[in-house]
Amino acid sequence: MIRVLYFASLRERLGRDAETLGDPPQTLADLRTVLVGRGGVWGEVFAEDQAVLAAVNQEMANPEQPLTDGDEIGFFPPVTGG
């Protein structure tokens, strides 16, 4: 089981801040594929051309990051400043 957290504008667009998934995909990229497969706003938010940052167990992660039972994954938009 993994816990997935959604932050900032992602939380607002998806209408939830967190969820638990019973059978973790093998990698972070696989998880994004699962989320895109939900269609609708999920497909828009997690589309391949969308800049979405991710952390696994509170450390920045790349798409090839393996996922294991008990991981916590956070998705958030890129931060801009000025």
PDB file of N, CA and C in Angstrom:
ATOM      1  N   MET A   1       0.849  -1.172   0.000  1.00  0.00           N
ATOM      2  CA  MET A   1       0.000   0.000   0.000  1.00  0.00           C
ATOM      3  C   MET A   1       0.896   1.237   0.000  1.00  0.00           C
ATOM      4  N   ILE A   2       0.530   2.228  -0.814  1.00  0.00           N
ATOM      5  CA  ILE A   2       1.249   3.499  -0.835  1.00  0.00           C
ATOM      6  C   ILE A   2       0.271   4.630  -0.563  1.00  0.00           C
ATOM      7  N   ARG A   3       0.805   5.715  -0.044  1.00  0.00           N
ATOM      8  CA  ARG A   3      -0.004   6.914   0.199  1.00  0.00           C
ATOM      9  C   ARG A   3       0.441   7.961  -0.810  1.00  0.00           C
ATOM     10  N   VAL A   4      -0.532   8.556  -1.503  1.00  0.00           N
ATOM     11  CA  VAL A   4      -0.251   9.567  -2.513  1.00  0.00           C
ATOM     12  C   VAL A   4      -0.861  10.885  -2.050  1.00  0.00           C
ATOM     13  N   LEU A   5      -0.031  11.924  -2.029  1.00  0.00           N
ATOM     14  CA  LEU A   5      -0.449  13.251  -1.587  1.00  0.00           C
ATOM     15  C   LEU A   5      -0.427  14.211  -2.769  1.00  0.00           C
ATOM     16  N   TYR A   6      -1.402  15.102  -2.813  1.00  0.00           N
ATOM     17  CA  TYR A   6      -1.507  16.105  -3.875  1.00  0.00           C
ATOM     18  C   TYR A   6      -1.468  17.488  -3.237  1.00  0.00           C
ATOM     19  N   PHE A   7      -0.583  18.351  -3.751  1.00  0.00           N
ATOM     20  CA  PHE A   7      -0.374  19.647  -3.133  1.00  0.00           C
ATOM     21  C   PHE A   7      -0.747  20.799  -4.066  1.00  0.00           C
ATOM     22  N   ALA A   8      -1.034  21.937  -3.450  1.00  0.00           N
ATOM     23  CA  ALA A   8      -1.259  23.221  -4.114  1.00  0.00           C
ATOM     24  C   ALA A   8      -2.341  23.113  -5.200  1.00  0.00           C
ATOM     25  N   SER A   9      -2.048  23.586  -6.400  1.00  0.00           N
ATOM     26  CA  SER A   9      -3.058  23.611  -7.463  1.00  0.00           C
ATOM     27  C   SER A   9      -3.484  22.204  -7.885  1.00  0.00           C
ATOM     28  N   LEU A  10      -2.620  21.213  -7.701  1.00  0.00           N
ATOM     29  CA  LEU A  10      -3.027  19.838  -8.032  1.00  0.00           C
ATOM     30  C   LEU A  10      -4.171  19.401  -7.123  1.00  0.00           C
ATOM     31  N   ARG A  11      -4.039  19.695  -5.846  1.00  0.00           N
ATOM     32  CA  ARG A  11      -5.093  19.357  -4.881  1.00  0.00           C
ATOM     33  C   ARG A  11      -6.411  20.022  -5.276  1.00  0.00           C
ATOM     34  N   GLU A  12      -6.321  21.275  -5.676  1.00  0.00           N
ATOM     35  CA  GLU A  12      -7.529  22.011  -6.058  1.00  0.00           C
ATOM     36  C   GLU A  12      -8.168  21.421  -7.311  1.00  0.00           C
ATOM     37  N   ARG A  13      -7.372  21.123  -8.312  1.00  0.00           N
ATOM     38  CA  ARG A  13      -7.916  20.589  -9.570  1.00  0.00           C
ATOM     39  C   ARG A  13      -8.467  19.182  -9.402  1.00  0.00           C
ATOM     40  N   LEU A  14      -7.813  18.360  -8.581  1.00  0.00           N
ATOM     41  CA  LEU A  14      -8.235  16.968  -8.425  1.00  0.00           C
ATOM     42  C   LEU A  14      -9.331  16.796  -7.375  1.00  0.00           C
ATOM     43  N   GLY A  15      -9.514  17.803  -6.536  1.00  0.00           N
ATOM     44  CA  GLY A  15     -10.563  17.736  -5.529  1.00  0.00           C
ATOM     45  C   GLY A  15     -10.258  16.804  -4.367  1.00  0.00           C
ATOM     46  N   ARG A  16      -8.991  16.533  -4.150  1.00  0.00           N
ATOM     47  CA  ARG A  16      -8.588  15.718  -2.996  1.00  0.00           C
ATOM     48  C   ARG A  16      -7.140  16.012  -2.650  1.00  0.00           C
ATOM     49  N   ASP A  17      -6.805  15.769  -1.402  1.00  0.00           N
ATOM     50  CA  ASP A  17      -5.433  16.033  -0.981  1.00  0.00           C
ATOM     51  C   ASP A  17      -4.603  14.771  -0.808  1.00  0.00           C
ATOM     52  N   ALA A  18      -5.264  13.606  -0.754  1.00  0.00           N
ATOM     53  CA  ALA A  18      -4.514  12.369  -0.547  1.00  0.00           C
ATOM     54  C   ALA A  18      -5.386  11.164  -0.871  1.00  0.00           C
ATOM     55  N   GLU A  19      -4.711  10.050  -1.087  1.00  0.00           N
ATOM     56  CA  GLU A  19      -5.398   8.770  -1.241  1.00  0.00           C
ATOM     57  C   GLU A  19      -4.399   7.650  -0.970  1.00  0.00           C
ATOM     58  N   THR A  20      -4.930   6.474  -0.759  1.00  0.00           N
ATOM     59  CA  THR A  20      -4.113   5.292  -0.551  1.00  0.00           C
ATOM     60  C   THR A  20      -4.389   4.317  -1.680  1.00  0.00           C
ATOM     61  N   LEU A  21      -3.326   3.776  -2.254  1.00  0.00           N
ATOM     62  CA  LEU A  21      -3.450   2.781  -3.316  1.00  0.00           C
ATOM     63  C   LEU A  21      -2.919   1.453  -2.805  1.00  0.00           C
ATOM     64  N   GLY A  22      -3.693   0.400  -3.023  1.00  0.00           N
ATOM     65  CA  GLY A  22      -3.372  -0.907  -2.458  1.00  0.00           C
ATOM     66  C   GLY A  22      -2.204  -1.631  -3.076  1.00  0.00           C
ATOM     67  N   ASP A  23      -2.039  -1.563  -4.374  1.00  0.00           N
ATOM     68  CA  ASP A  23      -0.984  -2.312  -5.050  1.00  0.00           C
ATOM     69  C   ASP A  23      -0.083  -1.326  -5.784  1.00  0.00           C
ATOM     70  N   PRO A  24       1.086  -0.990  -5.217  1.00  0.00           N
ATOM     71  CA  PRO A  24       1.904   0.059  -5.832  1.00  0.00           C
ATOM     72  C   PRO A  24       2.455  -0.336  -7.200  1.00  0.00           C
ATOM     73  N   PRO A  25       2.406   0.593  -8.149  1.00  0.00           N
ATOM     74  CA  PRO A  25       3.071   0.366  -9.429  1.00  0.00           C
ATOM     75  C   PRO A  25       4.580   0.234  -9.192  1.00  0.00           C
ATOM     76  N   GLN A  26       5.300  -0.239 -10.198  1.00  0.00           N
ATOM     77  CA  GLN A  26       6.736  -0.479 -10.021  1.00  0.00           C
ATOM     78  C   GLN A  26       7.551   0.805  -9.905  1.00  0.00           C
ATOM     79  N   THR A  27       7.184   1.840 -10.669  1.00  0.00           N
ATOM     80  CA  THR A  27       7.960   3.083 -10.661  1.00  0.00           C
ATOM     81  C   THR A  27       7.031   4.290 -10.563  1.00  0.00           C
ATOM     82  N   LEU A  28       7.647   5.431 -10.329  1.00  0.00           N
ATOM     83  CA  LEU A  28       6.894   6.676 -10.290  1.00  0.00           C
ATOM     84  C   LEU A  28       6.236   6.947 -11.638  1.00  0.00           C
ATOM     85  N   ALA A  29       6.930   6.662 -12.738  1.00  0.00           N
ATOM     86  CA  ALA A  29       6.344   6.838 -14.077  1.00  0.00           C
ATOM     87  C   ALA A  29       5.118   5.949 -14.243  1.00  0.00           C
ATOM     88  N   ASP A  30       5.188   4.728 -13.736  1.00  0.00           N
ATOM     89  CA  ASP A  30       4.041   3.820 -13.812  1.00  0.00           C
ATOM     90  C   ASP A  30       2.856   4.382 -13.021  1.00  0.00           C
ATOM     91  N   LEU A  31       3.136   5.003 -11.888  1.00  0.00           N
ATOM     92  CA  LEU A  31       2.062   5.603 -11.097  1.00  0.00           C
ATOM     93  C   LEU A  31       1.396   6.730 -11.879  1.00  0.00           C
ATOM     94  N   ARG A  32       2.186   7.557 -12.534  1.00  0.00           N
ATOM     95  CA  ARG A  32       1.595   8.625 -13.351  1.00  0.00           C
ATOM     96  C   ARG A  32       0.725   8.041 -14.457  1.00  0.00           C
ATOM     97  N   THR A  33       1.158   6.941 -15.052  1.00  0.00           N
ATOM     98  CA  THR A  33       0.364   6.284 -16.094  1.00  0.00           C
ATOM     99  C   THR A  33      -0.979   5.827 -15.541  1.00  0.00           C
ATOM    100  N   VAL A  34      -0.965   5.270 -14.337  1.00  0.00           N
ATOM    101  CA  VAL A  34      -2.209   4.840 -13.685  1.00  0.00           C
ATOM    102  C   VAL A  34      -3.125   6.044 -13.483  1.00  0.00           C
ATOM    103  N   LEU A  35      -2.568   7.145 -13.017  1.00  0.00           N
ATOM    104  CA  LEU A  35      -3.377   8.336 -12.754  1.00  0.00           C
ATOM    105  C   LEU A  35      -3.929   8.937 -14.046  1.00  0.00           C
ATOM    106  N   VAL A  36      -3.129   8.982 -15.093  1.00  0.00           N
ATOM    107  CA  VAL A  36      -3.600   9.462 -16.401  1.00  0.00           C
ATOM    108  C   VAL A  36      -4.749   8.589 -16.893  1.00  0.00           C
ATOM    109  N   GLY A  37      -4.658   7.288 -16.644  1.00  0.00           N
ATOM    110  CA  GLY A  37      -5.676   6.343 -17.084  1.00  0.00           C
ATOM    111  C   GLY A  37      -7.051   6.583 -16.482  1.00  0.00           C
ATOM    112  N   ARG A  38      -7.123   7.375 -15.438  1.00  0.00           N
ATOM    113  CA  ARG A  38      -8.422   7.705 -14.845  1.00  0.00           C
ATOM    114  C   ARG A  38      -9.224   8.632 -15.750  1.00  0.00           C
ATOM    115  N   GLY A  39      -8.532   9.294 -16.672  1.00  0.00           N
ATOM    116  CA  GLY A  39      -9.206  10.188 -17.615  1.00  0.00           C
ATOM    117  C   GLY A  39      -9.585  11.514 -16.986  1.00  0.00           C
ATOM    118  N   GLY A  40     -10.311  12.307 -17.744  1.00  0.00           N
ATOM    119  CA  GLY A  40     -10.784  13.611 -17.276  1.00  0.00           C
ATOM    120  C   GLY A  40      -9.655  14.494 -16.792  1.00  0.00           C
ATOM    121  N   VAL A  41      -9.898  15.173 -15.680  1.00  0.00           N
ATOM    122  CA  VAL A  41      -8.918  16.095 -15.130  1.00  0.00           C
ATOM    123  C   VAL A  41      -7.632  15.357 -14.742  1.00  0.00           C
ATOM    124  N   TRP A  42      -7.748  14.093 -14.347  1.00  0.00           N
ATOM    125  CA  TRP A  42      -6.555  13.302 -13.995  1.00  0.00           C
ATOM    126  C   TRP A  42      -5.633  13.182 -15.213  1.00  0.00           C
ATOM    127  N   GLY A  43      -6.220  12.914 -16.357  1.00  0.00           N
ATOM    128  CA  GLY A  43      -5.437  12.808 -17.580  1.00  0.00           C
ATOM    129  C   GLY A  43      -4.772  14.117 -17.953  1.00  0.00           C
ATOM    130  N   GLU A  44      -5.453  15.218 -17.681  1.00  0.00           N
ATOM    131  CA  GLU A  44      -4.892  16.536 -17.974  1.00  0.00           C
ATOM    132  C   GLU A  44      -3.740  16.863 -17.027  1.00  0.00           C
ATOM    133  N   VAL A  45      -3.960  16.672 -15.740  1.00  0.00           N
ATOM    134  CA  VAL A  45      -2.973  17.037 -14.728  1.00  0.00           C
ATOM    135  C   VAL A  45      -1.687  16.221 -14.872  1.00  0.00           C
ATOM    136  N   PHE A  46      -1.815  14.919 -15.130  1.00  0.00           N
ATOM    137  CA  PHE A  46      -0.645  14.042 -15.146  1.00  0.00           C
ATOM    138  C   PHE A  46      -0.174  13.664 -16.552  1.00  0.00           C
ATOM    139  N   ALA A  47      -0.683  14.368 -17.575  1.00  0.00           N
ATOM    140  CA  ALA A  47      -0.241  14.107 -18.954  1.00  0.00           C
ATOM    141  C   ALA A  47       1.280  14.257 -19.043  1.00  0.00           C
ATOM    142  N   GLU A  48       1.863  13.533 -19.957  1.00  0.00           N
ATOM    143  CA  GLU A  48       3.321  13.502 -20.101  1.00  0.00           C
ATOM    144  C   GLU A  48       3.927  14.889 -20.307  1.00  0.00           C
ATOM    145  N   ASP A  49       3.197  15.781 -20.974  1.00  0.00           N
ATOM    146  CA  ASP A  49       3.743  17.110 -21.258  1.00  0.00           C
ATOM    147  C   ASP A  49       3.537  18.106 -20.114  1.00  0.00           C
ATOM    148  N   GLN A  50       2.943  17.662 -19.015  1.00  0.00           N
ATOM    149  CA  GLN A  50       2.712  18.540 -17.871  1.00  0.00           C
ATOM    150  C   GLN A  50       3.864  18.444 -16.874  1.00  0.00           C
ATOM    151  N   ALA A  51       4.322  19.603 -16.430  1.00  0.00           N
ATOM    152  CA  ALA A  51       5.393  19.646 -15.433  1.00  0.00           C
ATOM    153  C   ALA A  51       4.794  19.412 -14.060  1.00  0.00           C
ATOM    154  N   VAL A  52       5.012  18.221 -13.537  1.00  0.00           N
ATOM    155  CA  VAL A  52       4.566  17.870 -12.196  1.00  0.00           C
ATOM    156  C   VAL A  52       5.781  17.289 -11.479  1.00  0.00           C
ATOM    157  N   LEU A  53       6.111  17.866 -10.346  1.00  0.00           N
ATOM    158  CA  LEU A  53       7.231  17.374  -9.552  1.00  0.00           C
ATOM    159  C   LEU A  53       6.743  16.297  -8.603  1.00  0.00           C
ATOM    160  N   ALA A  54       7.665  15.432  -8.196  1.00  0.00           N
ATOM    161  CA  ALA A  54       7.290  14.348  -7.301  1.00  0.00           C
ATOM    162  C   ALA A  54       8.390  14.094  -6.277  1.00  0.00           C
ATOM    163  N   ALA A  55       7.957  13.684  -5.111  1.00  0.00           N
ATOM    164  CA  ALA A  55       8.871  13.271  -4.052  1.00  0.00           C
ATOM    165  C   ALA A  55       8.409  11.909  -3.545  1.00  0.00           C
ATOM    166  N   VAL A  56       9.362  11.057  -3.253  1.00  0.00           N
ATOM    167  CA  VAL A  56       9.076   9.760  -2.648  1.00  0.00           C
ATOM    168  C   VAL A  56       9.720   9.768  -1.268  1.00  0.00           C
ATOM    169  N   ASN A  57       8.905   9.566  -0.266  1.00  0.00           N
ATOM    170  CA  ASN A  57       9.366   9.608   1.127  1.00  0.00           C
ATOM    171  C   ASN A  57      10.119  10.902   1.419  1.00  0.00           C
ATOM    172  N   GLN A  58       9.552  12.008   0.929  1.00  0.00           N
ATOM    173  CA  GLN A  58      10.001  13.374   1.155  1.00  0.00           C
ATOM    174  C   GLN A  58      11.354  13.691   0.531  1.00  0.00           C
ATOM    175  N   GLU A  59      11.734  12.939  -0.503  1.00  0.00           N
ATOM    176  CA  GLU A  59      12.945  13.238  -1.267  1.00  0.00           C
ATOM    177  C   GLU A  59      12.568  13.339  -2.733  1.00  0.00           C
ATOM    178  N   MET A  60      13.065  14.378  -3.406  1.00  0.00           N
ATOM    179  CA  MET A  60      12.764  14.557  -4.821  1.00  0.00           C
ATOM    180  C   MET A  60      13.097  13.276  -5.582  1.00  0.00           C
ATOM    181  N   ALA A  61      12.241  12.945  -6.550  1.00  0.00           N
ATOM    182  CA  ALA A  61      12.400  11.676  -7.267  1.00  0.00           C
ATOM    183  C   ALA A  61      12.241  11.879  -8.758  1.00  0.00           C
ATOM    184  N   ASN A  62      12.892  11.007  -9.525  1.00  0.00           N
ATOM    185  CA  ASN A  62      12.753  11.023 -10.979  1.00  0.00           C
ATOM    186  C   ASN A  62      11.769   9.938 -11.398  1.00  0.00           C
ATOM    187  N   PRO A  63      11.333   9.945 -12.646  1.00  0.00           N
ATOM    188  CA  PRO A  63      10.314   8.979 -13.086  1.00  0.00           C
ATOM    189  C   PRO A  63      10.714   7.510 -12.913  1.00  0.00           C
ATOM    190  N   GLU A  64      11.996   7.216 -12.923  1.00  0.00           N
ATOM    191  CA  GLU A  64      12.447   5.822 -12.802  1.00  0.00           C
ATOM    192  C   GLU A  64      12.514   5.334 -11.355  1.00  0.00           C
ATOM    193  N   GLN A  65      12.196   6.208 -10.410  1.00  0.00           N
ATOM    194  CA  GLN A  65      12.256   5.853  -8.987  1.00  0.00           C
ATOM    195  C   GLN A  65      11.360   4.651  -8.711  1.00  0.00           C
ATOM    196  N   PRO A  66      11.926   3.559  -8.189  1.00  0.00           N
ATOM    197  CA  PRO A  66      11.092   2.409  -7.836  1.00  0.00           C
ATOM    198  C   PRO A  66      10.183   2.745  -6.649  1.00  0.00           C
ATOM    199  N   LEU A  67       9.004   2.155  -6.645  1.00  0.00           N
ATOM    200  CA  LEU A  67       8.067   2.319  -5.532  1.00  0.00           C
ATOM    201  C   LEU A  67       7.921   0.995  -4.808  1.00  0.00           C
ATOM    202  N   THR A  68       7.818   1.073  -3.497  1.00  0.00           N
ATOM    203  CA  THR A  68       7.632  -0.133  -2.698  1.00  0.00           C
ATOM    204  C   THR A  68       6.521   0.093  -1.681  1.00  0.00           C
ATOM    205  N   ASP A  69       6.021  -0.995  -1.171  1.00  0.00           N
ATOM    206  CA  ASP A  69       4.965  -0.950  -0.175  1.00  0.00           C
ATOM    207  C   ASP A  69       5.378  -0.038   0.978  1.00  0.00           C
ATOM    208  N   GLY A  70       4.483   0.849   1.382  1.00  0.00           N
ATOM    209  CA  GLY A  70       4.743   1.755   2.489  1.00  0.00           C
ATOM    210  C   GLY A  70       5.269   3.120   2.080  1.00  0.00           C
ATOM    211  N   ASP A  71       5.581   3.321   0.799  1.00  0.00           N
ATOM    212  CA  ASP A  71       6.088   4.611   0.344  1.00  0.00           C
ATOM    213  C   ASP A  71       5.012   5.687   0.429  1.00  0.00           C
ATOM    214  N   GLU A  72       5.472   6.923   0.589  1.00  0.00           N
ATOM    215  CA  GLU A  72       4.608   8.095   0.525  1.00  0.00           C
ATOM    216  C   GLU A  72       5.083   8.923  -0.665  1.00  0.00           C
ATOM    217  N   ILE A  73       4.179   9.197  -1.592  1.00  0.00           N
ATOM    218  CA  ILE A  73       4.494   9.932  -2.808  1.00  0.00           C
ATOM    219  C   ILE A  73       3.757  11.262  -2.770  1.00  0.00           C
ATOM    220  N   GLY A  74       4.476  12.325  -2.995  1.00  0.00           N
ATOM    221  CA  GLY A  74       3.870  13.646  -3.065  1.00  0.00           C
ATOM    222  C   GLY A  74       4.018  14.221  -4.458  1.00  0.00           C
ATOM    223  N   PHE A  75       2.932  14.718  -5.019  1.00  0.00           N
ATOM    224  CA  PHE A  75       2.949  15.389  -6.315  1.00  0.00           C
ATOM    225  C   PHE A  75       2.638  16.862  -6.097  1.00  0.00           C
ATOM    226  N   PHE A  76       3.397  17.735  -6.792  1.00  0.00           N
ATOM    227  CA  PHE A  76       3.157  19.164  -6.648  1.00  0.00           C
ATOM    228  C   PHE A  76       3.622  19.884  -7.907  1.00  0.00           C
ATOM    229  N   PRO A  77       3.027  21.061  -8.172  1.00  0.00           N
ATOM    230  CA  PRO A  77       3.417  21.821  -9.355  1.00  0.00           C
ATOM    231  C   PRO A  77       4.783  22.460  -9.133  1.00  0.00           C
ATOM    232  N   PRO A  78       5.466  22.800 -10.229  1.00  0.00           N
ATOM    233  CA  PRO A  78       6.728  23.519 -10.075  1.00  0.00           C
ATOM    234  C   PRO A  78       6.489  24.856  -9.376  1.00  0.00           C
ATOM    235  N   VAL A  79       7.433  25.275  -8.596  1.00  0.00           N
ATOM    236  CA  VAL A  79       7.315  26.538  -7.870  1.00  0.00           C
ATOM    237  C   VAL A  79       7.952  27.628  -8.724  1.00  0.00           C
ATOM    238  N   THR A  80       7.248  28.738  -8.825  1.00  0.00           N
ATOM    239  CA  THR A  80       7.811  29.878  -9.544  1.00  0.00           C
ATOM    240  C   THR A  80       7.981  31.014  -8.570  1.00  0.00           C
ATOM    241  N   GLY A  81       8.919  31.823  -8.853  1.00  0.00           N
ATOM    242  CA  GLY A  81       9.168  32.970  -7.964  1.00  0.00           C
ATOM    243  C   GLY A  81       9.409  34.231  -8.783  1.00  0.00           C
ATOM    244  N   GLY A  82       9.520  35.298  -8.093  1.00  0.00           N
ATOM    245  CA  GLY A  82       9.775  36.523  -8.826  1.00  0.00           C
ATOM    246  C   GLY A  82       9.976  37.688  -7.922  1.00  0.00           C
TER     247      GLY A  82
END
